[in-house]
Amino acid sequence: MNVPTPQTKLEMLDDMEPLASVPSTAPKGTRLRPGEAKSLKQRMDVAEKYYEKVFKPWFDDATRMMKGEHYEGESDDHQVVVNLMPHVIQTQVYSTTFHLGELIVKPKDRLGHENLEVAEHVTACELRQANAMRENRRAYKDSRIVGFGVVCTGWEFETDDVHLTDGRQQVEGEEPEPEAVTRAVEEGKDLPPPIPRAKVRKDNFYVKRLDPRNWRVSPEASWVLADAPYCGYVEYRDVAEVKNDPRYKNTSKLKGSCDHLEGYLNSQNQPEGDREDLTGDLKRVKLIHYYERRRRLHVVLTDEDDRPLLVEKWHWEHDEYPFLAVFAEPGEDGWYQRPPVLELKHCQQELNNFHTQLAIHIRRFVRKYVAREGDFDPNAEKALESGRDGTIVFTTAQDAHNALTPIQDAQLSPDVYGSERIAMERISLMSALSAYDTGRAPTKRMTQDEAQMVGGAGEARKQAARAAYEELCAAVARHCLALNQQYAMRTRSYPVEVDGKISTWVDWTADQIRGDYSFELYVGSTEIKSKASVAEEIGFLLQSLAPFAA
């Protein structure tokens, strides 16, 4: 399926306002012009249609491939499925994302050079506490299945009364933000009281994987997320939770829906009409989060009302979307590309056909015989069916030698047995996995140089996939340190390990990690180390130390 052309984009919503209708300058404060919320909602409707027309059919097909649902429907014939897709994907994922990876933090200014050591320890500690490796791996797995994966970064602040994922409130003992003071003076209101420290439950950096089905992006966007006019995601939250959130407005008319539980309610809990008798904890409100980098704008909308629930400027200081993406093979003309799993669909079908024919042949064409009725009595038939050696079988036939004639089995074509090998070779070629990666020994013995020449193209694709994952991890680390520089108000601690054990804890504050930094990962630090590569590294180390030993 091709990416929609500009003509098809205009046909999605006839009443959509042009993008130029939104002013280039940000509105004063966090207010929208009259009717502008409807324009933003129409943008997200366009992104919704883009998802439904282009990506959703691919996603459903790829999901069926992963689950082993390779046939259209049930049949009386044997339908054998030897599903290699999960194993191919898992091999690709874990061979690339097995380790956390070693960060390289480089200072870009004098202040960063002075605080480099603390910044390295803080970033590594905060990433471990946020389970960044787990979420990055989940996003990378999404990219190998459906073509792309997305993670969301932010600062999580939770108290007994509020749960924020895009900033924090003033805590007892901290200085108020200058913007909050200015806003209170302009509005003639008092500053809100600070949160007591005892009520703070969470106050840390977080990273989480976004479901590709909930991701929304402009049809005009390419794979470079920074250039996207707008993007966002949808989520489903409890009605009472939304109404009790002090940040949200215009929530009085929200009713919620149970459509997400349509197939899981029993007959007693499926009322007709508007489902008024369902309990409130089953109803969810669809929240639509709109992000625009040009105006640093975050708007929360709902499909039940044209009025926004929340309009705010970005709280984070770094000028990037709070999302990071990784692609299997990015396309230059659109965000969505054909999932890699679907490229292996025909090979998987060939494997299924081979094993189906083989199973039918084994079960159907067992040894069978033809005999004239009456030539063998019941005792003789039992003797024929027995497995005892030297059994004597009596017959009334005049010609005893020809009384029992075996039926010749229909042999399978030799090409059938070769189809499995061809399908596996194609899977190895298209997935950049060698015969050793898929657990199969090569049929031809080759020298090391020949093996490297044959696997050169596949190795290049492996390195490209590894580099994409390393860039994702480095970008998450960059967001992590930037958010800690902004929000780490209280004194924190990071562990110092010696010989794999924690020897001491070092206190730090946001002032001790100030500066500008760039982030990279050591090449190959996230991969599984083979014995050959480990031996090569040890040999290189010994060779490097030889001059000093002499």
Protein backbone atom coordinates (compact mmCIF):
# COMPACT_ATOMS: atom_id res chain seq x y z
CA MET A 1 0.00 0.00 0.00
CA ASN A 2 1.45 3.36 -1.03
CA VAL A 3 1.61 6.49 1.04
CA PRO A 4 -1.35 8.78 0.26
CA THR A 5 -0.69 11.42 -2.35
CA PRO A 6 -1.47 15.09 -1.66
CA GLN A 7 -4.74 14.66 -3.56
CA THR A 8 -5.90 11.83 -1.31
CA LYS A 9 -4.89 13.81 1.77
CA LEU A 10 -7.30 16.59 0.84
CA GLU A 11 -10.09 14.07 0.42
CA MET A 12 -9.77 12.79 3.99
CA LEU A 13 -11.62 15.70 5.55
CA ASP A 14 -13.45 18.14 3.30
CA ASP A 15 -14.07 20.65 6.10
CA MET A 16 -10.49 20.68 7.37
CA GLU A 17 -8.96 24.12 7.77
CA PRO A 18 -5.62 24.63 5.99
CA LEU A 19 -2.48 24.45 8.07
CA ALA A 20 -1.78 28.11 7.36
CA SER A 21 -4.85 29.06 9.41
CA VAL A 22 -2.83 28.52 12.60
CA PRO A 23 -0.77 31.64 13.39
CA SER A 24 3.00 31.35 13.28
CA THR A 25 3.44 33.06 16.64
CA ALA A 26 2.40 31.29 19.81
CA PRO A 27 -0.71 32.62 21.53
CA LYS A 28 -0.24 34.60 24.71
CA GLY A 29 0.02 32.31 27.69
CA THR A 30 -1.47 28.91 26.98
CA ARG A 31 -4.74 29.92 25.34
CA LEU A 32 -5.96 29.05 21.86
CA ARG A 33 -7.85 31.30 19.51
CA PRO A 34 -11.60 30.66 19.16
CA GLY A 35 -12.04 27.69 16.86
CA GLU A 36 -8.36 26.77 16.90
CA ALA A 37 -8.98 23.71 19.08
CA LYS A 38 -11.27 22.36 16.36
CA SER A 39 -8.51 22.90 13.80
CA LEU A 40 -6.04 20.97 15.94
CA LYS A 41 -8.56 18.18 16.40
CA GLN A 42 -9.00 17.99 12.63
CA ARG A 43 -5.26 17.58 12.30
CA MET A 44 -5.37 14.60 14.62
CA ASP A 45 -8.35 13.23 12.66
CA VAL A 46 -6.17 13.34 9.54
CA ALA A 47 -3.43 11.48 11.42
CA GLU A 48 -6.05 8.94 12.54
CA LYS A 49 -7.16 8.31 8.97
CA TYR A 50 -3.53 8.06 7.86
CA TYR A 51 -3.05 5.34 10.49
CA GLU A 52 -6.23 3.46 9.57
CA LYS A 53 -5.69 3.51 5.80
CA VAL A 54 -1.97 2.84 5.62
CA PHE A 55 -0.67 1.24 8.79
CA LYS A 56 -3.53 -0.67 10.40
CA PRO A 57 -3.94 -3.27 7.57
CA TRP A 58 -0.20 -3.92 7.67
CA PHE A 59 -0.20 -4.14 11.46
CA ASP A 60 -3.06 -6.66 11.52
CA ASP A 61 -1.38 -8.81 8.87
CA ALA A 62 1.98 -8.72 10.68
CA THR A 63 0.31 -9.62 13.99
CA ARG A 64 -1.34 -12.65 12.40
CA MET A 65 2.01 -13.74 11.03
CA MET A 66 3.60 -13.53 14.49
CA LYS A 67 0.72 -15.45 16.10
CA GLY A 68 0.89 -18.25 13.53
CA GLU A 69 -2.49 -17.46 11.96
CA HIS A 70 -1.26 -18.17 8.43
CA TYR A 71 -4.46 -19.60 6.93
CA GLU A 72 -7.61 -17.72 6.02
CA GLY A 73 -9.92 -20.20 7.75
CA GLU A 74 -10.24 -23.71 9.11
CA SER A 75 -10.32 -26.65 6.72
CA ASP A 76 -10.79 -30.41 6.86
CA ASP A 77 -7.39 -30.87 5.21
CA HIS A 78 -4.25 -30.88 7.26
CA GLN A 79 -2.96 -27.33 7.80
CA VAL A 80 0.49 -27.52 9.32
CA VAL A 81 2.10 -24.30 10.59
CA VAL A 82 5.81 -24.24 11.37
CA ASN A 83 5.96 -20.62 12.50
CA LEU A 84 9.51 -19.29 12.24
CA MET A 85 8.58 -15.62 12.51
CA PRO A 86 8.83 -15.28 16.34
CA HIS A 87 12.19 -17.06 16.33
CA VAL A 88 13.57 -14.91 13.50
CA ILE A 89 12.45 -11.72 15.27
CA GLN A 90 13.77 -12.83 18.66
CA THR A 91 17.13 -13.71 17.13
CA GLN A 92 17.34 -10.30 15.49
CA VAL A 93 16.31 -8.49 18.68
CA TYR A 94 18.39 -10.27 21.30
CA SER A 95 21.51 -10.48 19.15
CA THR A 96 21.43 -6.66 19.01
CA THR A 97 19.96 -5.63 22.39
CA PHE A 98 21.41 -8.24 24.75
CA HIS A 99 23.43 -5.79 26.88
CA LEU A 100 22.68 -2.35 28.27
CA GLY A 101 25.54 -0.82 26.33
CA GLU A 102 28.43 1.42 27.40
CA LEU A 103 27.82 5.14 27.11
CA ILE A 104 30.35 7.62 25.80
CA VAL A 105 29.63 11.08 27.22
CA LYS A 106 31.56 13.90 25.56
CA PRO A 107 31.52 17.46 26.94
CA LYS A 108 30.82 20.26 24.49
CA ASP A 109 31.72 23.22 26.72
CA ARG A 110 33.96 24.10 29.67
CA LEU A 111 31.25 23.52 32.29
CA GLY A 112 30.50 20.10 30.85
CA HIS A 113 34.19 19.19 31.02
CA GLU A 114 34.29 20.08 34.72
CA ASN A 115 31.16 18.03 35.55
CA LEU A 116 31.83 15.14 33.15
CA GLU A 117 32.46 12.43 35.75
CA VAL A 118 29.30 13.15 37.74
CA ALA A 119 27.22 13.44 34.56
CA GLU A 120 28.39 10.00 33.39
CA HIS A 121 27.49 8.31 36.69
CA VAL A 122 24.16 10.12 37.00
CA THR A 123 23.06 9.24 33.47
CA ALA A 124 23.95 5.57 33.86
CA CYS A 125 22.21 5.36 37.25
CA GLU A 126 19.02 7.12 36.12
CA LEU A 127 18.77 4.96 32.98
CA ARG A 128 18.97 1.78 35.06
CA GLN A 129 16.33 3.02 37.50
CA ALA A 130 14.00 3.94 34.61
CA ASN A 131 14.40 0.47 32.99
CA ALA A 132 15.56 2.17 29.80
CA MET A 133 17.06 -1.05 28.42
CA ARG A 134 13.72 -2.84 28.69
CA GLU A 135 11.74 -0.08 27.01
CA ASN A 136 14.33 0.48 24.27
CA ARG A 137 14.34 -3.24 23.52
CA ARG A 138 10.55 -3.30 23.29
CA ALA A 139 10.60 -0.41 20.82
CA TYR A 140 13.33 -2.08 18.78
CA LYS A 141 11.28 -5.28 18.67
CA ASP A 142 8.33 -3.25 17.36
CA SER A 143 10.57 -1.95 14.59
CA ARG A 144 11.55 -5.47 13.53
CA ILE A 145 7.89 -6.54 13.41
CA VAL A 146 5.90 -3.55 12.14
CA GLY A 147 8.66 -1.29 10.81
CA PHE A 148 9.05 1.30 13.59
CA GLY A 149 9.08 1.66 17.35
CA VAL A 150 8.54 4.72 19.55
CA VAL A 151 9.50 5.53 23.13
CA CYS A 152 8.27 8.50 25.15
CA THR A 153 10.51 10.30 27.64
CA GLY A 154 9.58 12.71 30.40
CA TRP A 155 9.64 13.49 34.09
CA GLU A 156 7.24 11.61 36.35
CA PHE A 157 6.01 13.43 39.44
CA GLU A 158 3.46 11.66 41.63
CA THR A 159 1.97 12.66 44.97
CA ASP A 160 -1.06 11.60 46.95
CA ASP A 161 -3.18 14.02 44.92
CA VAL A 162 -1.66 14.37 41.44
CA HIS A 163 0.26 12.32 38.87
CA LEU A 164 2.24 14.27 36.27
CA THR A 165 4.29 12.87 33.40
CA ASP A 166 5.49 16.12 31.84
CA GLY A 167 6.92 18.16 34.70
CA ARG A 168 6.78 18.62 38.45
CA GLN A 169 5.35 20.90 41.12
CA GLN A 170 7.16 22.90 43.76
CA VAL A 171 8.12 20.76 46.74
CA GLU A 172 8.56 22.02 50.27
CA GLY A 173 11.97 23.64 50.73
CA GLU A 174 12.47 24.54 47.04
CA GLU A 175 12.48 27.98 45.47
CA PRO A 176 9.42 28.73 43.27
CA GLU A 177 9.96 28.93 39.52
CA PRO A 178 10.34 32.49 38.17
CA GLU A 179 7.62 31.88 35.58
CA ALA A 180 5.17 30.83 38.30
CA VAL A 181 5.95 33.99 40.28
CA THR A 182 5.46 36.21 37.23
CA ARG A 183 2.20 34.50 36.34
CA ALA A 184 0.87 34.88 39.89
CA VAL A 185 1.72 38.60 39.91
CA GLU A 186 0.04 39.19 36.53
CA GLU A 187 -3.11 37.35 37.59
CA GLY A 188 -3.17 38.84 41.08
CA LYS A 189 -3.22 35.45 42.76
CA ASP A 190 -1.14 33.84 45.47
CA LEU A 191 1.38 31.16 44.66
CA PRO A 192 0.05 27.63 45.25
CA PRO A 193 1.43 26.12 48.44
CA PRO A 194 4.39 23.75 47.97
CA ILE A 195 3.91 20.00 48.18
CA PRO A 196 5.04 18.45 51.50
CA ARG A 197 7.97 16.10 50.99
CA ALA A 198 6.11 13.29 52.74
CA LYS A 199 3.48 13.24 49.98
CA VAL A 200 5.94 12.82 47.09
CA ARG A 201 5.83 9.26 45.73
CA LYS A 202 7.77 9.60 42.46
CA ASP A 203 10.08 12.33 41.26
CA ASN A 204 12.30 10.91 38.53
CA PHE A 205 13.02 10.51 34.81
CA TYR A 206 10.97 7.91 32.93
CA VAL A 207 10.99 6.29 29.51
CA LYS A 208 8.23 4.05 28.20
CA ARG A 209 7.44 2.30 24.97
CA LEU A 210 4.39 3.49 23.03
CA ASP A 211 2.09 1.00 21.33
CA PRO A 212 2.46 1.56 17.55
CA ARG A 213 -1.35 1.38 17.29
CA ASN A 214 -1.66 4.46 19.51
CA TRP A 215 0.95 6.56 17.70
CA ARG A 216 -0.30 9.35 15.43
CA VAL A 217 1.76 11.43 13.02
CA SER A 218 1.12 13.84 10.17
CA PRO A 219 0.83 12.27 6.67
CA GLU A 220 3.27 14.95 5.54
CA ALA A 221 5.98 13.76 7.94
CA SER A 222 9.02 11.78 6.88
CA TRP A 223 10.97 9.42 9.13
CA VAL A 224 12.82 12.44 10.60
CA LEU A 225 10.63 13.15 13.62
CA ALA A 226 12.10 16.60 14.27
CA ASP A 227 10.71 17.78 10.91
CA ALA A 228 7.16 16.53 11.56
CA PRO A 229 4.57 19.37 11.60
CA TYR A 230 2.81 17.64 14.48
CA CYS A 231 2.51 14.25 16.14
CA GLY A 232 0.96 12.68 19.21
CA TYR A 233 -0.71 9.61 20.60
CA VAL A 234 -4.02 8.41 21.98
CA GLU A 235 -4.67 6.76 25.32
CA TYR A 236 -7.71 5.44 27.18
CA ARG A 237 -8.16 6.48 30.80
CA ASP A 238 -10.79 5.97 33.45
CA VAL A 239 -13.58 8.58 33.43
CA ALA A 240 -13.29 9.31 37.14
CA GLU A 241 -9.51 9.65 36.87
CA VAL A 242 -9.84 12.24 34.11
CA LYS A 243 -12.52 14.22 35.93
CA ASN A 244 -10.50 14.27 39.16
CA ASP A 245 -7.33 15.46 37.45
CA PRO A 246 -6.97 19.15 38.43
CA ARG A 247 -5.13 19.98 35.19
CA TYR A 248 -8.06 19.05 32.94
CA LYS A 249 -10.99 21.36 32.19
CA ASN A 250 -14.29 20.85 30.32
CA THR A 251 -14.71 17.37 31.79
CA SER A 252 -18.25 17.65 33.19
CA LYS A 253 -19.92 16.18 30.07
CA LEU A 254 -17.53 13.27 29.58
CA LYS A 255 -19.31 9.91 29.71
CA GLY A 256 -16.73 7.44 28.48
CA SER A 257 -17.21 4.28 26.48
CA CYS A 258 -16.79 0.52 26.84
CA ASP A 259 -15.91 -0.16 23.22
CA HIS A 260 -12.44 -1.36 24.20
CA LEU A 261 -14.10 -4.15 26.25
CA GLU A 262 -16.73 -5.07 23.66
CA GLY A 263 -15.56 -8.67 23.28
CA TYR A 264 -14.93 -9.33 26.98
CA LEU A 265 -18.27 -8.45 28.60
CA ASN A 266 -20.62 -11.34 29.27
CA SER A 267 -24.28 -11.24 28.24
CA GLN A 268 -25.40 -9.95 31.64
CA ASN A 269 -23.12 -6.93 31.36
CA GLN A 270 -24.02 -6.01 27.79
CA PRO A 271 -26.98 -3.62 28.04
CA GLU A 272 -28.55 -2.13 24.96
CA GLY A 273 -28.33 1.53 24.04
CA ASP A 274 -26.04 3.90 25.88
CA ARG A 275 -24.87 1.33 28.49
CA GLU A 276 -25.84 3.57 31.40
CA ASP A 277 -26.03 0.68 33.87
CA LEU A 278 -22.37 -0.26 33.46
CA THR A 279 -20.17 0.56 36.42
CA GLY A 280 -17.90 3.56 36.03
CA ASP A 281 -14.64 1.61 36.35
CA LEU A 282 -15.35 -0.08 33.00
CA LYS A 283 -15.73 3.15 31.04
CA ARG A 284 -12.78 4.86 29.43
CA VAL A 285 -12.26 8.27 27.84
CA LYS A 286 -10.20 8.48 24.67
CA LEU A 287 -7.61 11.22 25.18
CA ILE A 288 -5.85 12.62 22.11
CA HIS A 289 -2.46 14.19 22.83
CA TYR A 290 -1.33 16.75 20.26
CA TYR A 291 2.29 17.94 20.14
CA GLU A 292 3.64 20.73 17.94
CA ARG A 293 7.31 21.60 18.03
CA ARG A 294 7.11 24.93 16.20
CA ARG A 295 5.06 26.52 18.99
CA ARG A 296 6.17 24.10 21.75
CA LEU A 297 2.51 23.28 22.25
CA HIS A 298 0.83 20.35 24.01
CA VAL A 299 -2.96 20.04 23.76
CA VAL A 300 -5.14 17.25 25.16
CA LEU A 301 -8.37 16.65 23.24
CA THR A 302 -11.17 14.11 23.41
CA ASP A 303 -13.50 12.60 20.83
CA GLU A 304 -16.54 13.55 22.95
CA ASP A 305 -16.06 17.33 22.89
CA ASP A 306 -14.46 19.92 20.61
CA ARG A 307 -13.19 21.89 23.60
CA PRO A 308 -9.67 21.02 24.77
CA LEU A 309 -9.10 19.50 28.18
CA LEU A 310 -5.61 20.91 28.51
CA VAL A 311 -3.58 23.54 26.67
CA GLU A 312 -0.02 24.13 27.83
CA LYS A 313 3.45 25.02 26.68
CA TRP A 314 6.16 22.40 26.86
CA HIS A 315 7.61 22.24 30.34
CA TRP A 316 10.91 20.71 29.27
CA GLU A 317 13.66 23.03 28.10
CA HIS A 318 15.27 20.89 25.39
CA ASP A 319 13.80 21.74 21.99
CA GLU A 320 12.78 18.23 20.93
CA TYR A 321 9.63 16.16 20.80
CA PRO A 322 9.31 13.93 23.87
CA PHE A 323 9.36 10.94 21.51
CA LEU A 324 12.21 8.95 19.98
CA ALA A 325 11.78 6.51 17.10
CA VAL A 326 13.74 3.60 15.66
CA PHE A 327 13.08 2.14 12.21
CA ALA A 328 13.85 -1.17 10.55
CA GLU A 329 14.27 0.54 7.18
CA PRO A 330 13.09 4.16 7.09
CA GLY A 331 11.39 5.47 3.99
CA GLU A 332 12.06 8.92 2.65
CA ASP A 333 8.50 9.72 1.54
CA GLY A 334 6.43 8.85 4.59
CA TRP A 335 6.43 7.57 8.14
CA TYR A 336 4.83 4.17 7.57
CA GLN A 337 6.64 1.51 5.55
CA ARG A 338 5.77 -2.11 4.82
CA PRO A 339 6.60 -4.19 7.94
CA PRO A 340 9.66 -6.46 7.62
CA VAL A 341 7.67 -9.50 8.76
CA LEU A 342 5.44 -9.25 5.69
CA GLU A 343 8.51 -9.47 3.44
CA LEU A 344 8.97 -13.01 4.79
CA LYS A 345 5.32 -13.98 4.36
CA HIS A 346 5.78 -15.92 1.11
CA CYS A 347 8.76 -17.86 2.51
CA GLN A 348 6.72 -18.78 5.57
CA GLN A 349 3.86 -19.98 3.37
CA GLU A 350 6.28 -22.17 1.39
CA LEU A 351 7.47 -23.78 4.62
CA ASN A 352 3.89 -24.39 5.71
CA ASN A 353 3.04 -25.97 2.34
CA PHE A 354 6.06 -28.28 2.50
CA HIS A 355 5.30 -29.53 6.00
CA THR A 356 1.61 -29.86 5.16
CA GLN A 357 2.36 -32.07 2.15
CA LEU A 358 4.83 -34.09 4.19
CA ALA A 359 2.33 -34.61 7.02
CA ILE A 360 -0.38 -35.67 4.58
CA HIS A 361 2.01 -38.09 2.87
CA ILE A 362 3.08 -39.65 6.17
CA ARG A 363 -0.45 -40.08 7.49
CA ARG A 364 -2.25 -41.00 4.30
CA PHE A 365 0.24 -43.15 2.42
CA VAL A 366 1.05 -45.80 5.00
CA ARG A 367 1.29 -49.44 3.80
CA LYS A 368 -2.03 -50.74 2.47
CA TYR A 369 -2.98 -54.03 0.77
CA VAL A 370 -5.70 -55.29 -1.58
CA ALA A 371 -7.34 -58.70 -1.04
CA ARG A 372 -10.39 -60.45 -2.46
CA GLU A 373 -13.29 -60.58 -0.02
CA GLY A 374 -13.53 -63.92 1.72
CA ASP A 375 -9.93 -65.02 1.17
CA PHE A 376 -9.06 -64.30 4.83
CA ASP A 377 -11.15 -65.12 7.88
CA PRO A 378 -11.09 -62.86 10.99
CA ASN A 379 -8.26 -64.82 12.58
CA ALA A 380 -6.16 -64.44 9.44
CA GLU A 381 -6.85 -60.70 9.35
CA LYS A 382 -5.68 -60.36 12.94
CA ALA A 383 -2.55 -62.33 12.10
CA LEU A 384 -1.85 -59.99 9.17
CA GLU A 385 -2.26 -56.91 11.35
CA SER A 386 -0.06 -58.27 14.15
CA GLY A 387 3.58 -57.33 14.48
CA ARG A 388 4.85 -60.78 15.55
CA ASP A 389 7.64 -62.27 13.52
CA GLY A 390 7.05 -65.64 11.84
CA THR A 391 3.25 -65.45 12.00
CA ILE A 392 1.43 -68.03 9.80
CA VAL A 393 -1.58 -66.63 7.91
CA PHE A 394 -4.15 -69.05 6.47
CA THR A 395 -6.13 -68.16 3.34
CA THR A 396 -8.80 -69.85 1.22
CA ALA A 397 -7.51 -68.32 -2.00
CA GLN A 398 -6.42 -70.74 -4.71
CA ASP A 399 -3.26 -68.71 -5.41
CA ALA A 400 -1.89 -67.98 -1.96
CA HIS A 401 1.08 -65.96 -3.26
CA ASN A 402 -1.17 -63.43 -5.02
CA ALA A 403 -3.94 -63.31 -2.40
CA LEU A 404 -2.48 -60.13 -0.90
CA THR A 405 -1.29 -57.32 -3.20
CA PRO A 406 0.40 -54.18 -1.77
CA ILE A 407 -0.79 -50.78 -2.98
CA GLN A 408 2.03 -48.74 -4.46
CA ASP A 409 2.49 -45.43 -2.59
CA ALA A 410 2.45 -42.20 -4.55
CA GLN A 411 5.88 -40.71 -4.00
CA LEU A 412 6.40 -37.01 -3.35
CA SER A 413 8.29 -35.08 -5.97
CA PRO A 414 11.97 -34.51 -5.08
CA ASP A 415 11.34 -30.79 -5.62
CA VAL A 416 9.13 -30.78 -2.54
CA TYR A 417 12.05 -31.73 -0.30
CA GLY A 418 14.17 -28.97 -1.81
CA SER A 419 11.54 -26.30 -1.20
CA GLU A 420 12.30 -26.14 2.53
CA ARG A 421 15.98 -25.48 1.89
CA ILE A 422 15.15 -22.76 -0.64
CA ALA A 423 12.68 -21.10 1.75
CA MET A 424 15.20 -21.12 4.60
CA GLU A 425 17.88 -19.63 2.36
CA ARG A 426 15.51 -16.84 1.38
CA ILE A 427 14.64 -16.16 5.02
CA SER A 428 18.34 -15.96 5.89
CA LEU A 429 18.96 -13.61 2.98
CA MET A 430 16.04 -11.27 3.68
CA SER A 431 16.47 -11.19 7.48
CA ALA A 432 20.29 -10.85 7.35
CA LEU A 433 20.65 -13.96 9.54
CA SER A 434 23.32 -16.50 8.68
CA ALA A 435 22.87 -20.25 8.83
CA TYR A 436 24.58 -20.22 12.23
CA ASP A 437 22.15 -17.56 13.52
CA THR A 438 19.17 -19.74 12.60
CA GLY A 439 20.70 -22.87 14.14
CA ARG A 440 21.53 -24.59 10.85
CA ALA A 441 25.01 -25.71 9.87
CA PRO A 442 25.97 -24.67 6.33
CA THR A 443 25.90 -27.46 3.74
CA LYS A 444 29.18 -26.31 2.17
CA ARG A 445 32.44 -26.07 4.07
CA MET A 446 34.16 -22.72 3.46
CA THR A 447 37.26 -20.98 4.66
CA GLN A 448 36.97 -18.01 7.00
CA ASP A 449 37.72 -15.53 4.21
CA GLU A 450 35.06 -17.08 1.97
CA ALA A 451 32.50 -17.02 4.78
CA GLN A 452 33.23 -13.33 5.41
CA MET A 453 32.85 -12.53 1.72
CA VAL A 454 29.54 -14.40 1.48
CA GLY A 455 28.16 -12.75 4.63
CA GLY A 456 29.44 -9.28 3.82
CA ALA A 457 26.12 -7.84 2.64
CA GLY A 458 24.21 -9.35 5.54
CA GLU A 459 26.81 -8.08 8.00
CA ALA A 460 26.39 -4.56 6.64
CA ARG A 461 22.66 -4.69 7.34
CA LYS A 462 23.32 -6.07 10.81
CA GLN A 463 25.63 -3.18 11.54
CA ALA A 464 23.05 -0.70 10.25
CA ALA A 465 20.37 -2.21 12.53
CA ARG A 466 22.77 -2.15 15.47
CA ALA A 467 23.67 1.48 14.75
CA ALA A 468 19.98 2.43 14.70
CA TYR A 469 19.47 0.85 18.13
CA GLU A 470 22.60 2.50 19.52
CA GLU A 471 21.37 5.89 18.28
CA LEU A 472 18.06 5.28 20.08
CA CYS A 473 19.85 4.45 23.35
CA ALA A 474 22.09 7.51 23.03
CA ALA A 475 19.10 9.77 22.37
CA VAL A 476 17.29 8.42 25.45
CA ALA A 477 20.41 9.13 27.51
CA ARG A 478 20.50 12.68 26.14
CA HIS A 479 16.88 13.27 27.19
CA CYS A 480 17.59 11.68 30.57
CA LEU A 481 20.41 14.05 31.46
CA ALA A 482 18.59 17.11 30.07
CA LEU A 483 15.52 16.42 32.22
CA ASN A 484 17.65 15.77 35.29
CA GLN A 485 19.41 19.09 34.74
CA GLN A 486 16.01 20.78 34.76
CA TYR A 487 13.99 18.87 37.36
CA ALA A 488 16.44 17.20 39.78
CA MET A 489 15.84 19.78 42.51
CA ARG A 490 16.51 17.66 45.58
CA THR A 491 19.81 16.03 46.52
CA ARG A 492 20.15 12.54 45.08
CA SER A 493 22.74 9.77 45.22
CA TYR A 494 24.37 7.41 42.76
CA PRO A 495 26.34 4.24 43.62
CA VAL A 496 30.04 3.74 42.99
CA GLU A 497 30.96 0.13 42.25
CA VAL A 498 34.31 -1.56 42.78
CA ASP A 499 34.79 -5.09 41.44
CA GLY A 500 31.08 -5.38 40.76
CA LYS A 501 30.04 -4.39 44.30
CA ILE A 502 28.72 -1.07 45.59
CA SER A 503 31.43 0.51 47.71
CA THR A 504 29.89 3.92 48.44
CA TRP A 505 27.16 6.38 47.49
CA VAL A 506 27.86 9.88 46.19
CA ASP A 507 25.38 12.75 46.63
CA TRP A 508 24.70 15.06 43.71
CA THR A 509 22.42 17.91 42.69
CA ALA A 510 21.40 19.43 39.37
CA ASP A 511 24.15 22.05 39.64
CA GLN A 512 26.79 19.31 39.52
CA ILE A 513 25.68 18.02 36.10
CA ARG A 514 25.36 21.35 34.31
CA GLY A 515 26.89 21.65 30.88
CA ASP A 516 26.39 20.62 27.28
CA TYR A 517 27.12 17.01 26.33
CA SER A 518 26.91 14.64 23.39
CA PHE A 519 26.14 10.95 23.78
CA GLU A 520 27.26 7.85 21.89
CA LEU A 521 27.50 4.13 22.57
CA TYR A 522 30.59 2.00 22.16
CA VAL A 523 30.16 0.16 18.87
CA GLY A 524 28.88 -3.36 19.51
CA SER A 525 28.53 -2.89 23.28
CA THR A 526 24.87 -3.99 23.20
CA GLU A 527 25.49 -7.18 21.20
CA ILE A 528 26.14 -10.73 22.38
CA LYS A 529 29.86 -11.39 22.45
CA SER A 530 30.93 -14.53 20.62
CA LYS A 531 33.93 -16.53 21.79
CA ALA A 532 35.85 -15.51 18.69
CA SER A 533 35.24 -11.79 19.25
CA VAL A 534 36.17 -12.06 22.95
CA ALA A 535 39.39 -13.89 22.07
CA GLU A 536 40.14 -11.23 19.46
CA GLU A 537 39.63 -8.43 22.00
CA ILE A 538 41.87 -10.17 24.54
CA GLY A 539 44.56 -10.65 21.92
CA PHE A 540 44.35 -6.99 20.93
CA LEU A 541 44.62 -5.94 24.59
CA LEU A 542 47.67 -8.15 25.18
CA GLN A 543 49.26 -6.83 22.03
CA SER A 544 48.66 -3.25 23.20
CA LEU A 545 50.21 -3.96 26.62
CA ALA A 546 53.24 -5.78 25.24
CA PRO A 547 55.43 -2.64 24.89
CA PHE A 548 54.81 -1.71 28.51
CA ALA A 549 55.63 -5.22 29.74
CA ALA A 550 58.93 -5.14 27.88
